[in-house]
Amino acid sequence: MNESNLISDGIQLMLVGMGMVFVFLSLLVIVISIMKKFLSEPMIESIPDTNNFRDNNLRNNNVISDQEIAAISSAVHAYRQKYSKK
């Protein structure tokens, strides 16, 4: 075997390998796109509505007490002191 024959075999092998990778990745994109169409509908419906949650809390008259506000404020203050970048 001479050098030109080895080089042409190497180029042919490279092109076949690159073609196989291109075909595989193209099929992967197509399959993922098809799966996205089938699976995206139920995922959107399962997200809870935050406005409903807020309205239910207002209807139930769930008011945060002053003690709870103070506890939350002190926890936030302690966290900020501990992790503040000085």
Protein backbone atom coordinates (compact mmCIF):
# COMPACT_ATOMS: atom_id res chain seq x y z
CA MET A 1 0.00 0.00 0.00
CA ASN A 2 1.31 3.40 -0.90
CA GLU A 3 0.81 6.70 0.91
CA SER A 4 -1.92 8.07 -1.35
CA ASN A 5 -3.98 4.93 -0.85
CA LEU A 6 -3.64 5.20 2.95
CA ILE A 7 -4.56 8.87 2.90
CA SER A 8 -7.63 8.25 0.75
CA ASP A 9 -8.70 5.40 3.05
CA GLY A 10 -8.23 7.69 6.07
CA ILE A 11 -10.29 10.46 4.49
CA GLN A 12 -13.00 7.98 3.52
CA LEU A 13 -13.11 6.61 7.07
CA MET A 14 -13.24 10.14 8.48
CA LEU A 15 -16.14 11.11 6.20
CA VAL A 16 -18.09 7.94 7.04
CA GLY A 17 -17.55 8.56 10.77
CA MET A 18 -18.59 12.20 10.53
CA GLY A 19 -21.65 11.18 8.50
CA MET A 20 -22.67 8.63 11.10
CA VAL A 21 -22.33 11.20 13.89
CA PHE A 22 -24.35 13.73 11.88
CA VAL A 23 -27.13 11.20 11.23
CA PHE A 24 -27.21 10.13 14.88
CA LEU A 25 -27.39 13.70 16.16
CA SER A 26 -30.08 14.60 13.61
CA LEU A 27 -32.19 11.64 14.71
CA LEU A 28 -31.65 12.61 18.34
CA VAL A 29 -32.92 16.15 17.68
CA ILE A 30 -35.97 14.80 15.83
CA VAL A 31 -36.83 12.31 18.57
CA ILE A 32 -36.45 14.94 21.31
CA SER A 33 -38.66 17.36 19.37
CA ILE A 34 -41.35 14.71 19.00
CA MET A 35 -41.14 13.82 22.69
CA LYS A 36 -41.39 17.49 23.62
CA LYS A 37 -44.66 17.81 21.70
CA PHE A 38 -46.17 14.80 23.45
CA LEU A 39 -44.90 15.53 26.95
CA SER A 40 -45.23 19.32 27.16
CA GLU A 41 -49.01 19.43 27.57
CA PRO A 42 -49.34 17.68 30.96
CA MET A 43 -46.37 19.56 32.39
CA ILE A 44 -48.01 22.94 31.77
CA GLU A 45 -51.24 21.90 33.47
CA SER A 46 -49.45 20.61 36.57
CA ILE A 47 -47.95 24.01 37.45
CA PRO A 48 -49.94 25.48 40.36
CA ASP A 49 -51.57 28.86 39.88
CA THR A 50 -50.04 31.33 42.33
CA ASN A 51 -52.94 33.75 42.01
CA ASN A 52 -55.32 31.06 43.21
CA PHE A 53 -53.09 30.40 46.22
CA ARG A 54 -53.00 34.09 47.11
CA ASP A 55 -56.78 34.44 46.71
CA ASN A 56 -57.41 31.40 48.92
CA ASN A 57 -55.19 32.86 51.63
CA LEU A 58 -57.05 36.17 51.48
CA ARG A 59 -60.42 34.40 51.64
CA ASN A 60 -59.33 32.35 54.64
CA ASN A 61 -58.11 35.52 56.36
CA ASN A 62 -54.68 33.98 56.94
CA VAL A 63 -52.87 36.98 58.35
CA ILE A 64 -49.25 36.70 59.38
CA SER A 65 -48.88 37.69 63.01
CA ASP A 66 -46.36 40.24 64.26
CA GLN A 67 -44.38 37.48 65.97
CA GLU A 68 -44.04 35.58 62.70
CA ILE A 69 -42.91 38.72 60.87
CA ALA A 70 -40.33 39.37 63.59
CA ALA A 71 -39.04 35.78 63.40
CA ILE A 72 -38.74 35.93 59.61
CA SER A 73 -37.03 39.33 59.76
CA SER A 74 -34.51 38.15 62.35
CA ALA A 75 -33.77 34.99 60.33
CA VAL A 76 -33.15 37.04 57.18
CA HIS A 77 -30.98 39.47 59.12
CA ALA A 78 -28.92 36.64 60.62
CA TYR A 79 -28.51 35.01 57.21
CA ARG A 80 -27.37 38.24 55.61
CA GLN A 81 -24.85 38.85 58.40
CA LYS A 82 -23.47 35.32 58.10
CA TYR A 83 -23.16 35.26 54.30
CA SER A 84 -22.57 38.92 53.48
CA LYS A 85 -19.58 39.66 51.24
CA LYS A 86 -17.42 42.16 53.02
